[in-house]
Amino acid sequence: MLLYDHDNGVVIPDLLHRREVERALFLAPKPPPPNPLDVLTRSERQLVDEYDADERHPRLHARELATLKARMTVDRKAIWLAAERGQLPDRKPTVKGWEVEHRAERYRLLLARTR
């Protein structure tokens, strides 16, 4: 890219600067991947964070783990209901589909913790 900074044999300063910026952008390291848990709603994220913390010491938190797993199962089923049937747990209508509000990703994250 740095070879293409001139016109008729004359270096164009603005073009030289642009090529240097493009080269730096091309050679820059890739940013770290986003946290997959960022797609969860605030309440789902809180449940998952608590569950993950308690799971590090399952003998100390067996009862709490079961409670959190049950609450995540309720949330997971609500996601499925909204995605497949287009309704909320209270039977109110909502937009149907897995692509809405990251439902597919949220469902998978909760499913992995509630099996």
PDB file of N, CA and C in Angstrom:
ATOM      1  N   MET A   1       0.816  -1.191   0.000  1.00  0.00           N
ATOM      2  CA  MET A   1       0.000   0.000   0.000  1.00  0.00           C
ATOM      3  C   MET A   1       0.867   1.265   0.000  1.00  0.00           C
ATOM      4  N   LEU A   2       1.999   1.183   0.653  1.00  0.00           N
ATOM      5  CA  LEU A   2       2.823   2.383   0.741  1.00  0.00           C
ATOM      6  C   LEU A   2       3.390   2.808  -0.612  1.00  0.00           C
ATOM      7  N   LEU A   3       3.379   1.919  -1.593  1.00  0.00           N
ATOM      8  CA  LEU A   3       3.876   2.267  -2.925  1.00  0.00           C
ATOM      9  C   LEU A   3       2.917   3.193  -3.676  1.00  0.00           C
ATOM     10  N   TYR A   4       1.671   3.206  -3.264  1.00  0.00           N
ATOM     11  CA  TYR A   4       0.649   3.974  -3.987  1.00  0.00           C
ATOM     12  C   TYR A   4       0.350   5.281  -3.265  1.00  0.00           C
ATOM     13  N   ASP A   5       1.366   6.130  -3.201  1.00  0.00           N
ATOM     14  CA  ASP A   5       1.219   7.420  -2.521  1.00  0.00           C
ATOM     15  C   ASP A   5       1.627   8.591  -3.411  1.00  0.00           C
ATOM     16  N   HIS A   6       1.669   8.370  -4.705  1.00  0.00           N
ATOM     17  CA  HIS A   6       2.114   9.442  -5.596  1.00  0.00           C
ATOM     18  C   HIS A   6       1.259   9.480  -6.869  1.00  0.00           C
ATOM     19  N   ASP A   7       1.398  10.596  -7.575  1.00  0.00           N
ATOM     20  CA  ASP A   7       0.687  10.801  -8.843  1.00  0.00           C
ATOM     21  C   ASP A   7       1.686  11.389  -9.834  1.00  0.00           C
ATOM     22  N   ASN A   8       1.874  10.704 -10.940  1.00  0.00           N
ATOM     23  CA  ASN A   8       2.850  11.140 -11.948  1.00  0.00           C
ATOM     24  C   ASN A   8       4.241  11.315 -11.354  1.00  0.00           C
ATOM     25  N   GLY A   9       4.630  10.411 -10.460  1.00  0.00           N
ATOM     26  CA  GLY A   9       5.962  10.448  -9.878  1.00  0.00           C
ATOM     27  C   GLY A   9       6.138  11.412  -8.722  1.00  0.00           C
ATOM     28  N   VAL A  10       5.102  12.132  -8.345  1.00  0.00           N
ATOM     29  CA  VAL A  10       5.185  13.103  -7.253  1.00  0.00           C
ATOM     30  C   VAL A  10       4.427  12.556  -6.045  1.00  0.00           C
ATOM     31  N   VAL A  11       5.113  12.521  -4.878  1.00  0.00           N
ATOM     32  CA  VAL A  11       4.472  12.053  -3.648  1.00  0.00           C
ATOM     33  C   VAL A  11       3.446  13.081  -3.194  1.00  0.00           C
ATOM     34  N   ILE A  12       2.237  12.608  -2.927  1.00  0.00           N
ATOM     35  CA  ILE A  12       1.178  13.484  -2.433  1.00  0.00           C
ATOM     36  C   ILE A  12       1.097  13.284  -0.917  1.00  0.00           C
ATOM     37  N   PRO A  13       1.409  14.337  -0.131  1.00  0.00           N
ATOM     38  CA  PRO A  13       1.478  14.197   1.333  1.00  0.00           C
ATOM     39  C   PRO A  13       0.201  13.628   1.964  1.00  0.00           C
ATOM     40  N   ASP A  14      -0.957  14.105   1.520  1.00  0.00           N
ATOM     41  CA  ASP A  14      -2.206  13.603   2.105  1.00  0.00           C
ATOM     42  C   ASP A  14      -2.403  12.118   1.799  1.00  0.00           C
ATOM     43  N   LEU A  15      -2.052  11.724   0.605  1.00  0.00           N
ATOM     44  CA  LEU A  15      -2.189  10.326   0.223  1.00  0.00           C
ATOM     45  C   LEU A  15      -1.184   9.458   0.985  1.00  0.00           C
ATOM     46  N   LEU A  16       0.032   9.975   1.187  1.00  0.00           N
ATOM     47  CA  LEU A  16       1.034   9.268   1.968  1.00  0.00           C
ATOM     48  C   LEU A  16       0.522   9.029   3.389  1.00  0.00           C
ATOM     49  N   HIS A  17      -0.050  10.070   3.987  1.00  0.00           N
ATOM     50  CA  HIS A  17      -0.588   9.946   5.346  1.00  0.00           C
ATOM     51  C   HIS A  17      -1.718   8.906   5.388  1.00  0.00           C
ATOM     52  N   ARG A  18      -2.595   8.957   4.408  1.00  0.00           N
ATOM     53  CA  ARG A  18      -3.708   8.015   4.350  1.00  0.00           C
ATOM     54  C   ARG A  18      -3.201   6.582   4.239  1.00  0.00           C
ATOM     55  N   ARG A  19      -2.204   6.341   3.410  1.00  0.00           N
ATOM     56  CA  ARG A  19      -1.656   4.997   3.248  1.00  0.00           C
ATOM     57  C   ARG A  19      -0.993   4.505   4.536  1.00  0.00           C
ATOM     58  N   GLU A  20      -0.331   5.407   5.259  1.00  0.00           N
ATOM     59  CA  GLU A  20       0.294   5.020   6.530  1.00  0.00           C
ATOM     60  C   GLU A  20      -0.768   4.635   7.565  1.00  0.00           C
ATOM     61  N   VAL A  21      -1.862   5.384   7.590  1.00  0.00           N
ATOM     62  CA  VAL A  21      -2.959   5.065   8.506  1.00  0.00           C
ATOM     63  C   VAL A  21      -3.590   3.726   8.133  1.00  0.00           C
ATOM     64  N   GLU A  22      -3.800   3.487   6.842  1.00  0.00           N
ATOM     65  CA  GLU A  22      -4.368   2.224   6.387  1.00  0.00           C
ATOM     66  C   GLU A  22      -3.462   1.054   6.746  1.00  0.00           C
ATOM     67  N   ARG A  23      -2.158   1.254   6.590  1.00  0.00           N
ATOM     68  CA  ARG A  23      -1.204   0.195   6.927  1.00  0.00           C
ATOM     69  C   ARG A  23      -1.237  -0.119   8.415  1.00  0.00           C
ATOM     70  N   ALA A  24      -1.284   0.929   9.252  1.00  0.00           N
ATOM     71  CA  ALA A  24      -1.344   0.727  10.699  1.00  0.00           C
ATOM     72  C   ALA A  24      -2.629  -0.004  11.098  1.00  0.00           C
ATOM     73  N   LEU A  25      -3.728   0.349  10.451  1.00  0.00           N
ATOM     74  CA  LEU A  25      -4.995  -0.312  10.733  1.00  0.00           C
ATOM     75  C   LEU A  25      -4.939  -1.785  10.335  1.00  0.00           C
ATOM     76  N   PHE A  26      -4.351  -2.064   9.195  1.00  0.00           N
ATOM     77  CA  PHE A  26      -4.234  -3.434   8.710  1.00  0.00           C
ATOM     78  C   PHE A  26      -3.362  -4.283   9.626  1.00  0.00           C
ATOM     79  N   LEU A  27      -2.300  -3.709  10.171  1.00  0.00           N
ATOM     80  CA  LEU A  27      -1.353  -4.457  11.001  1.00  0.00           C
ATOM     81  C   LEU A  27      -1.735  -4.488  12.482  1.00  0.00           C
ATOM     82  N   ALA A  28      -2.752  -3.729  12.873  1.00  0.00           N
ATOM     83  CA  ALA A  28      -3.161  -3.678  14.277  1.00  0.00           C
ATOM     84  C   ALA A  28      -3.709  -5.033  14.715  1.00  0.00           C
ATOM     85  N   PRO A  29      -3.482  -5.408  15.975  1.00  0.00           N
ATOM     86  CA  PRO A  29      -4.021  -6.684  16.454  1.00  0.00           C
ATOM     87  C   PRO A  29      -5.547  -6.633  16.506  1.00  0.00           C
ATOM     88  N   LYS A  30      -6.156  -7.797  16.378  1.00  0.00           N
ATOM     89  CA  LYS A  30      -7.603  -7.876  16.436  1.00  0.00           C
ATOM     90  C   LYS A  30      -8.068  -7.580  17.859  1.00  0.00           C
ATOM     91  N   PRO A  31      -9.200  -6.901  18.003  1.00  0.00           N
ATOM     92  CA  PRO A  31      -9.708  -6.651  19.353  1.00  0.00           C
ATOM     93  C   PRO A  31     -10.176  -7.954  19.986  1.00  0.00           C
ATOM     94  N   PRO A  32     -10.178  -8.014  21.310  1.00  0.00           N
ATOM     95  CA  PRO A  32     -10.635  -9.246  21.960  1.00  0.00           C
ATOM     96  C   PRO A  32     -12.114  -9.475  21.655  1.00  0.00           C
ATOM     97  N   PRO A  33     -12.517 -10.731  21.628  1.00  0.00           N
ATOM     98  CA  PRO A  33     -13.926 -10.997  21.339  1.00  0.00           C
ATOM     99  C   PRO A  33     -14.811 -10.455  22.459  1.00  0.00           C
ATOM    100  N   PRO A  34     -16.021 -10.042  22.129  1.00  0.00           N
ATOM    101  CA  PRO A  34     -16.910  -9.533  23.175  1.00  0.00           C
ATOM    102  C   PRO A  34     -17.318 -10.659  24.118  1.00  0.00           C
ATOM    103  N   ASN A  35     -17.678 -10.297  25.300  1.00  0.00           N
ATOM    104  CA  ASN A  35     -18.114 -11.278  26.283  1.00  0.00           C
ATOM    105  C   ASN A  35     -19.445 -11.862  25.830  1.00  0.00           C
ATOM    106  N   PRO A  36     -19.545 -13.176  25.647  1.00  0.00           N
ATOM    107  CA  PRO A  36     -20.799 -13.758  25.170  1.00  0.00           C
ATOM    108  C   PRO A  36     -21.961 -13.533  26.134  1.00  0.00           C
ATOM    109  N   LEU A  37     -21.669 -13.299  27.407  1.00  0.00           N
ATOM    110  CA  LEU A  37     -22.734 -13.066  28.378  1.00  0.00           C
ATOM    111  C   LEU A  37     -23.379 -11.693  28.238  1.00  0.00           C
ATOM    112  N   ASP A  38     -22.788 -10.817  27.430  1.00  0.00           N
ATOM    113  CA  ASP A  38     -23.328  -9.473  27.265  1.00  0.00           C
ATOM    114  C   ASP A  38     -24.688  -9.454  26.577  1.00  0.00           C
ATOM    115  N   VAL A  39     -25.109 -10.552  25.952  1.00  0.00           N
ATOM    116  CA  VAL A  39     -26.410 -10.589  25.286  1.00  0.00           C
ATOM    117  C   VAL A  39     -27.547 -10.831  26.275  1.00  0.00           C
ATOM    118  N   LEU A  40     -27.233 -11.276  27.478  1.00  0.00           N
ATOM    119  CA  LEU A  40     -28.260 -11.561  28.469  1.00  0.00           C
ATOM    120  C   LEU A  40     -28.898 -10.280  28.991  1.00  0.00           C
ATOM    121  N   THR A  41     -30.162 -10.399  29.423  1.00  0.00           N
ATOM    122  CA  THR A  41     -30.803  -9.258  30.071  1.00  0.00           C
ATOM    123  C   THR A  41     -30.159  -9.078  31.443  1.00  0.00           C
ATOM    124  N   ARG A  42     -30.451  -7.975  32.076  1.00  0.00           N
ATOM    125  CA  ARG A  42     -29.830  -7.693  33.385  1.00  0.00           C
ATOM    126  C   ARG A  42     -30.168  -8.792  34.403  1.00  0.00           C
ATOM    127  N   SER A  43     -31.432  -9.200  34.463  1.00  0.00           N
ATOM    128  CA  SER A  43     -31.812 -10.226  35.447  1.00  0.00           C
ATOM    129  C   SER A  43     -31.199 -11.583  35.095  1.00  0.00           C
ATOM    130  N   GLU A  44     -31.166 -11.927  33.806  1.00  0.00           N
ATOM    131  CA  GLU A  44     -30.535 -13.182  33.394  1.00  0.00           C
ATOM    132  C   GLU A  44     -29.051 -13.171  33.712  1.00  0.00           C
ATOM    133  N   ARG A  45     -28.399 -12.059  33.463  1.00  0.00           N
ATOM    134  CA  ARG A  45     -26.963 -11.949  33.729  1.00  0.00           C
ATOM    135  C   ARG A  45     -26.665 -12.100  35.218  1.00  0.00           C
ATOM    136  N   GLN A  46     -27.530 -11.501  36.036  1.00  0.00           N
ATOM    137  CA  GLN A  46     -27.333 -11.609  37.481  1.00  0.00           C
ATOM    138  C   GLN A  46     -27.449 -13.070  37.928  1.00  0.00           C
ATOM    139  N   LEU A  47     -28.460 -13.782  37.411  1.00  0.00           N
ATOM    140  CA  LEU A  47     -28.612 -15.197  37.745  1.00  0.00           C
ATOM    141  C   LEU A  47     -27.399 -16.014  37.298  1.00  0.00           C
ATOM    142  N   VAL A  48     -26.947 -15.778  36.073  1.00  0.00           N
ATOM    143  CA  VAL A  48     -25.810 -16.529  35.533  1.00  0.00           C
ATOM    144  C   VAL A  48     -24.540 -16.234  36.323  1.00  0.00           C
ATOM    145  N   ASP A  49     -24.317 -14.963  36.650  1.00  0.00           N
ATOM    146  CA  ASP A  49     -23.123 -14.616  37.429  1.00  0.00           C
ATOM    147  C   ASP A  49     -23.150 -15.278  38.807  1.00  0.00           C
ATOM    148  N   GLU A  50     -24.313 -15.240  39.462  1.00  0.00           N
ATOM    149  CA  GLU A  50     -24.430 -15.894  40.773  1.00  0.00           C
ATOM    150  C   GLU A  50     -24.210 -17.400  40.647  1.00  0.00           C
ATOM    151  N   TYR A  51     -24.819 -17.990  39.628  1.00  0.00           N
ATOM    152  CA  TYR A  51     -24.686 -19.433  39.419  1.00  0.00           C
ATOM    153  C   TYR A  51     -23.233 -19.817  39.166  1.00  0.00           C
ATOM    154  N   ASP A  52     -22.576 -19.077  38.291  1.00  0.00           N
ATOM    155  CA  ASP A  52     -21.175 -19.385  37.981  1.00  0.00           C
ATOM    156  C   ASP A  52     -20.288 -19.251  39.207  1.00  0.00           C
ATOM    157  N   ALA A  53     -20.539 -18.240  40.034  1.00  0.00           N
ATOM    158  CA  ALA A  53     -19.744 -18.058  41.249  1.00  0.00           C
ATOM    159  C   ALA A  53     -19.989 -19.197  42.235  1.00  0.00           C
ATOM    160  N   ASP A  54     -21.256 -19.571  42.412  1.00  0.00           N
ATOM    161  CA  ASP A  54     -21.575 -20.654  43.350  1.00  0.00           C
ATOM    162  C   ASP A  54     -21.088 -22.003  42.848  1.00  0.00           C
ATOM    163  N   GLU A  55     -21.048 -22.193  41.541  1.00  0.00           N
ATOM    164  CA  GLU A  55     -20.632 -23.476  40.985  1.00  0.00           C
ATOM    165  C   GLU A  55     -19.146 -23.758  41.223  1.00  0.00           C
ATOM    166  N   ARG A  56     -18.388 -22.748  41.529  1.00  0.00           N
ATOM    167  CA  ARG A  56     -16.968 -22.972  41.835  1.00  0.00           C
ATOM    168  C   ARG A  56     -16.809 -23.772  43.128  1.00  0.00           C
ATOM    169  N   HIS A  57     -17.832 -23.709  43.994  1.00  0.00           N
ATOM    170  CA  HIS A  57     -17.816 -24.432  45.272  1.00  0.00           C
ATOM    171  C   HIS A  57     -19.170 -25.124  45.450  1.00  0.00           C
ATOM    172  N   PRO A  58     -19.458 -26.138  44.644  1.00  0.00           N
ATOM    173  CA  PRO A  58     -20.798 -26.728  44.640  1.00  0.00           C
ATOM    174  C   PRO A  58     -21.228 -27.346  45.968  1.00  0.00           C
ATOM    175  N   ARG A  59     -20.299 -27.859  46.754  1.00  0.00           N
ATOM    176  CA  ARG A  59     -20.678 -28.457  48.044  1.00  0.00           C
ATOM    177  C   ARG A  59     -21.168 -27.402  49.028  1.00  0.00           C
ATOM    178  N   LEU A  60     -20.606 -26.213  48.943  1.00  0.00           N
ATOM    179  CA  LEU A  60     -21.016 -25.138  49.846  1.00  0.00           C
ATOM    180  C   LEU A  60     -22.343 -24.514  49.432  1.00  0.00           C
ATOM    181  N   HIS A  61     -22.680 -24.597  48.141  1.00  0.00           N
ATOM    182  CA  HIS A  61     -23.830 -23.864  47.620  1.00  0.00           C
ATOM    183  C   HIS A  61     -24.838 -24.764  46.906  1.00  0.00           C
ATOM    184  N   ALA A  62     -24.981 -26.007  47.322  1.00  0.00           N
ATOM    185  CA  ALA A  62     -25.857 -26.943  46.613  1.00  0.00           C
ATOM    186  C   ALA A  62     -27.300 -26.454  46.548  1.00  0.00           C
ATOM    187  N   ARG A  63     -27.834 -25.969  47.654  1.00  0.00           N
ATOM    188  CA  ARG A  63     -29.225 -25.516  47.679  1.00  0.00           C
ATOM    189  C   ARG A  63     -29.398 -24.271  46.816  1.00  0.00           C
ATOM    190  N   GLU A  64     -28.461 -23.348  46.913  1.00  0.00           N
ATOM    191  CA  GLU A  64     -28.519 -22.112  46.111  1.00  0.00           C
ATOM    192  C   GLU A  64     -28.401 -22.425  44.619  1.00  0.00           C
ATOM    193  N   LEU A  65     -27.548 -23.380  44.271  1.00  0.00           N
ATOM    194  CA  LEU A  65     -27.409 -23.774  42.866  1.00  0.00           C
ATOM    195  C   LEU A  65     -28.725 -24.317  42.312  1.00  0.00           C
ATOM    196  N   ALA A  66     -29.405 -25.136  43.096  1.00  0.00           N
ATOM    197  CA  ALA A  66     -30.687 -25.688  42.652  1.00  0.00           C
ATOM    198  C   ALA A  66     -31.717 -24.583  42.453  1.00  0.00           C
ATOM    199  N   THR A  67     -31.743 -23.612  43.361  1.00  0.00           N
ATOM    200  CA  THR A  67     -32.680 -22.492  43.252  1.00  0.00           C
ATOM    201  C   THR A  67     -32.381 -21.656  42.015  1.00  0.00           C
ATOM    202  N   LEU A  68     -31.121 -21.337  41.804  1.00  0.00           N
ATOM    203  CA  LEU A  68     -30.738 -20.538  40.639  1.00  0.00           C
ATOM    204  C   LEU A  68     -31.023 -21.283  39.342  1.00  0.00           C
ATOM    205  N   LYS A  69     -30.778 -22.589  39.346  1.00  0.00           N
ATOM    206  CA  LYS A  69     -31.039 -23.402  38.155  1.00  0.00           C
ATOM    207  C   LYS A  69     -32.536 -23.384  37.824  1.00  0.00           C
ATOM    208  N   ALA A  70     -33.368 -23.466  38.840  1.00  0.00           N
ATOM    209  CA  ALA A  70     -34.817 -23.424  38.619  1.00  0.00           C
ATOM    210  C   ALA A  70     -35.252 -22.074  38.064  1.00  0.00           C
ATOM    211  N   ARG A  71     -34.688 -20.989  38.589  1.00  0.00           N
ATOM    212  CA  ARG A  71     -35.033 -19.652  38.088  1.00  0.00           C
ATOM    213  C   ARG A  71     -34.554 -19.462  36.650  1.00  0.00           C
ATOM    214  N   MET A  72     -33.369 -19.980  36.322  1.00  0.00           N
ATOM    215  CA  MET A  72     -32.875 -19.874  34.949  1.00  0.00           C
ATOM    216  C   MET A  72     -33.721 -20.719  33.998  1.00  0.00           C
ATOM    217  N   THR A  73     -34.238 -21.841  34.487  1.00  0.00           N
ATOM    218  CA  THR A  73     -35.110 -22.680  33.666  1.00  0.00           C
ATOM    219  C   THR A  73     -36.394 -21.933  33.321  1.00  0.00           C
ATOM    220  N   VAL A  74     -36.945 -21.201  34.269  1.00  0.00           N
ATOM    221  CA  VAL A  74     -38.141 -20.396  34.016  1.00  0.00           C
ATOM    222  C   VAL A  74     -37.837 -19.344  32.947  1.00  0.00           C
ATOM    223  N   ASP A  75     -36.699 -18.668  33.064  1.00  0.00           N
ATOM    224  CA  ASP A  75     -36.310 -17.656  32.069  1.00  0.00           C
ATOM    225  C   ASP A  75     -36.100 -18.292  30.700  1.00  0.00           C
ATOM    226  N   ARG A  76     -35.461 -19.448  30.672  1.00  0.00           N
ATOM    227  CA  ARG A  76     -35.198 -20.142  29.409  1.00  0.00           C
ATOM    228  C   ARG A  76     -36.500 -20.529  28.715  1.00  0.00           C
ATOM    229  N   LYS A  77     -37.451 -21.030  29.482  1.00  0.00           N
ATOM    230  CA  LYS A  77     -38.741 -21.408  28.910  1.00  0.00           C
ATOM    231  C   LYS A  77     -39.501 -20.184  28.401  1.00  0.00           C
ATOM    232  N   ALA A  78     -39.342 -19.063  29.085  1.00  0.00           N
ATOM    233  CA  ALA A  78     -39.990 -17.828  28.625  1.00  0.00           C
ATOM    234  C   ALA A  78     -39.401 -17.374  27.288  1.00  0.00           C
ATOM    235  N   ILE A  79     -38.094 -17.548  27.127  1.00  0.00           N
ATOM    236  CA  ILE A  79     -37.448 -17.200  25.854  1.00  0.00           C
ATOM    237  C   ILE A  79     -37.986 -18.100  24.748  1.00  0.00           C
ATOM    238  N   TRP A  80     -38.087 -19.386  25.025  1.00  0.00           N
ATOM    239  CA  TRP A  80     -38.608 -20.324  24.023  1.00  0.00           C
ATOM    240  C   TRP A  80     -40.041 -19.961  23.639  1.00  0.00           C
ATOM    241  N   LEU A  81     -40.860 -19.660  24.630  1.00  0.00           N
ATOM    242  CA  LEU A  81     -42.252 -19.309  24.376  1.00  0.00           C
ATOM    243  C   LEU A  81     -42.358 -18.071  23.493  1.00  0.00           C
ATOM    244  N   ALA A  82     -41.541 -17.071  23.782  1.00  0.00           N
ATOM    245  CA  ALA A  82     -41.556 -15.848  22.972  1.00  0.00           C
ATOM    246  C   ALA A  82     -41.071 -16.121  21.552  1.00  0.00           C
ATOM    247  N   ALA A  83     -40.024 -16.913  21.423  1.00  0.00           N
ATOM    248  CA  ALA A  83     -39.445 -17.175  20.106  1.00  0.00           C
ATOM    249  C   ALA A  83     -40.345 -18.053  19.243  1.00  0.00           C
ATOM    250  N   GLU A  84     -40.900 -19.089  19.821  1.00  0.00           N
ATOM    251  CA  GLU A  84     -41.673 -20.058  19.052  1.00  0.00           C
ATOM    252  C   GLU A  84     -43.143 -19.687  18.881  1.00  0.00           C
ATOM    253  N   ARG A  85     -43.736 -19.143  19.938  1.00  0.00           N
ATOM    254  CA  ARG A  85     -45.171 -18.865  19.890  1.00  0.00           C
ATOM    255  C   ARG A  85     -45.522 -17.387  19.850  1.00  0.00           C
ATOM    256  N   GLY A  86     -44.542 -16.545  20.094  1.00  0.00           N
ATOM    257  CA  GLY A  86     -44.806 -15.114  20.068  1.00  0.00           C
ATOM    258  C   GLY A  86     -45.653 -14.641  21.226  1.00  0.00           C
ATOM    259  N   GLN A  87     -45.434 -15.246  22.397  1.00  0.00           N
ATOM    260  CA  GLN A  87     -46.174 -14.795  23.565  1.00  0.00           C
ATOM    261  C   GLN A  87     -45.283 -14.801  24.798  1.00  0.00           C
ATOM    262  N   LEU A  88     -45.629 -13.930  25.733  1.00  0.00           N
ATOM    263  CA  LEU A  88     -44.925 -13.846  27.004  1.00  0.00           C
ATOM    264  C   LEU A  88     -45.541 -14.838  27.977  1.00  0.00           C
ATOM    265  N   PRO A  89     -44.873 -15.115  29.103  1.00  0.00           N
ATOM    266  CA  PRO A  89     -45.443 -16.062  30.065  1.00  0.00           C
ATOM    267  C   PRO A  89     -46.844 -15.677  30.560  1.00  0.00           C
ATOM    268  N   ASP A  90     -47.152 -14.384  30.585  1.00  0.00           N
ATOM    269  CA  ASP A  90     -48.490 -13.961  31.014  1.00  0.00           C
ATOM    270  C   ASP A  90     -49.498 -13.970  29.856  1.00  0.00           C
ATOM    271  N   ARG A  91     -49.099 -14.611  28.750  1.00  0.00           N
ATOM    272  CA  ARG A  91     -49.911 -14.814  27.543  1.00  0.00           C
ATOM    273  C   ARG A  91     -50.114 -13.551  26.696  1.00  0.00           C
ATOM    274  N   LYS A  92     -49.431 -12.484  27.022  1.00  0.00           N
ATOM    275  CA  LYS A  92     -49.491 -11.286  26.180  1.00  0.00           C
ATOM    276  C   LYS A  92     -48.671 -11.539  24.919  1.00  0.00           C
ATOM    277  N   PRO A  93     -49.096 -11.003  23.783  1.00  0.00           N
ATOM    278  CA  PRO A  93     -48.346 -11.236  22.538  1.00  0.00           C
ATOM    279  C   PRO A  93     -47.038 -10.452  22.506  1.00  0.00           C
ATOM    280  N   THR A  94     -46.068 -11.003  21.798  1.00  0.00           N
ATOM    281  CA  THR A  94     -44.783 -10.340  21.569  1.00  0.00           C
ATOM    282  C   THR A  94     -44.302 -10.732  20.179  1.00  0.00           C
ATOM    283  N   VAL A  95     -43.209 -10.151  19.771  1.00  0.00           N
ATOM    284  CA  VAL A  95     -42.644 -10.462  18.452  1.00  0.00           C
ATOM    285  C   VAL A  95     -42.092 -11.885  18.470  1.00  0.00           C
ATOM    286  N   LYS A  96     -42.487 -12.661  17.482  1.00  0.00           N
ATOM    287  CA  LYS A  96     -42.049 -14.049  17.368  1.00  0.00           C
ATOM    288  C   LYS A  96     -40.710 -14.111  16.638  1.00  0.00           C
ATOM    289  N   GLY A  97     -39.862 -15.081  17.000  1.00  0.00           N
ATOM    290  CA  GLY A  97     -38.612 -15.301  16.281  1.00  0.00           C
ATOM    291  C   GLY A  97     -37.414 -15.419  17.200  1.00  0.00           C
ATOM    292  N   TRP A  98     -36.451 -16.231  16.751  1.00  0.00           N
ATOM    293  CA  TRP A  98     -35.233 -16.452  17.535  1.00  0.00           C
ATOM    294  C   TRP A  98     -34.222 -15.329  17.385  1.00  0.00           C
ATOM    295  N   GLU A  99     -34.293 -14.568  16.296  1.00  0.00           N
ATOM    296  CA  GLU A  99     -33.310 -13.512  16.066  1.00  0.00           C
ATOM    297  C   GLU A  99     -33.609 -12.250  16.873  1.00  0.00           C
ATOM    298  N   VAL A 100     -34.798 -12.155  17.429  1.00  0.00           N
ATOM    299  CA  VAL A 100     -35.213 -10.974  18.192  1.00  0.00           C
ATOM    300  C   VAL A 100     -34.527 -10.977  19.556  1.00  0.00           C
ATOM    301  N   GLU A 101     -33.945  -9.851  19.930  1.00  0.00           N
ATOM    302  CA  GLU A 101     -33.341  -9.651  21.256  1.00  0.00           C
ATOM    303  C   GLU A 101     -32.342 -10.751  21.641  1.00  0.00           C
ATOM    304  N   HIS A 102     -31.614 -11.274  20.682  1.00  0.00           N
ATOM    305  CA  HIS A 102     -30.586 -12.296  20.935  1.00  0.00           C
ATOM    306  C   HIS A 102     -31.166 -13.529  21.621  1.00  0.00           C
ATOM    307  N   ARG A 103     -32.393 -13.888  21.297  1.00  0.00           N
ATOM    308  CA  ARG A 103     -33.042 -15.008  21.990  1.00  0.00           C
ATOM    309  C   ARG A 103     -32.281 -16.317  21.837  1.00  0.00           C
ATOM    310  N   ALA A 104     -31.792 -16.598  20.648  1.00  0.00           N
ATOM    311  CA  ALA A 104     -31.090 -17.871  20.439  1.00  0.00           C
ATOM    312  C   ALA A 104     -29.853 -17.967  21.325  1.00  0.00           C
ATOM    313  N   GLU A 105     -29.068 -16.908  21.386  1.00  0.00           N
ATOM    314  CA  GLU A 105     -27.852 -16.922  22.207  1.00  0.00           C
ATOM    315  C   GLU A 105     -28.195 -17.011  23.686  1.00  0.00           C
ATOM    316  N   ARG A 106     -29.203 -16.234  24.098  1.00  0.00           N
ATOM    317  CA  ARG A 106     -29.616 -16.249  25.506  1.00  0.00           C
ATOM    318  C   ARG A 106     -30.122 -17.638  25.899  1.00  0.00           C
ATOM    319  N   TYR A 107     -30.911 -18.246  25.024  1.00  0.00           N
ATOM    320  CA  TYR A 107     -31.440 -19.574  25.289  1.00  0.00           C
ATOM    321  C   TYR A 107     -30.299 -20.582  25.462  1.00  0.00           C
ATOM    322  N   ARG A 108     -29.330 -20.546  24.550  1.00  0.00           N
ATOM    323  CA  ARG A 108     -28.198 -21.489  24.631  1.00  0.00           C
ATOM    324  C   ARG A 108     -27.393 -21.312  25.925  1.00  0.00           C
ATOM    325  N   LEU A 109     -27.157 -20.058  26.312  1.00  0.00           N
ATOM    326  CA  LEU A 109     -26.393 -19.810  27.540  1.00  0.00           C
ATOM    327  C   LEU A 109     -27.120 -20.344  28.771  1.00  0.00           C
ATOM    328  N   LEU A 110     -28.434 -20.136  28.822  1.00  0.00           N
ATOM    329  CA  LEU A 110     -29.205 -20.634  29.968  1.00  0.00           C
ATOM    330  C   LEU A 110     -29.345 -22.156  29.912  1.00  0.00           C
ATOM    331  N   LEU A 111     -29.509 -22.709  28.726  1.00  0.00           N
ATOM    332  CA  LEU A 111     -29.640 -24.156  28.581  1.00  0.00           C
ATOM    333  C   LEU A 111     -28.370 -24.863  29.068  1.00  0.00           C
ATOM    334  N   ALA A 112     -27.229 -24.304  28.770  1.00  0.00           N
ATOM    335  CA  ALA A 112     -25.962 -24.924  29.185  1.00  0.00           C
ATOM    336  C   ALA A 112     -25.846 -25.013  30.707  1.00  0.00           C
ATOM    337  N   ARG A 113     -26.523 -24.128  31.419  1.00  0.00           N
ATOM    338  CA  ARG A 113     -26.442 -24.123  32.884  1.00  0.00           C
ATOM    339  C   ARG A 113     -27.618 -24.832  33.550  1.00  0.00           C
ATOM    340  N   THR A 114     -28.626 -25.219  32.797  1.00  0.00           N
ATOM    341  CA  THR A 114     -29.813 -25.812  33.413  1.00  0.00           C
ATOM    342  C   THR A 114     -30.034 -27.265  33.013  1.00  0.00           C
ATOM    343  N   ARG A 115     -29.132 -27.874  32.344  1.00  0.00           N
ATOM    344  CA  ARG A 115     -29.276 -29.292  31.967  1.00  0.00           C
ATOM    345  C   ARG A 115     -29.097 -30.181  33.156  1.00  0.00           C
TER     346      ARG A 115
END
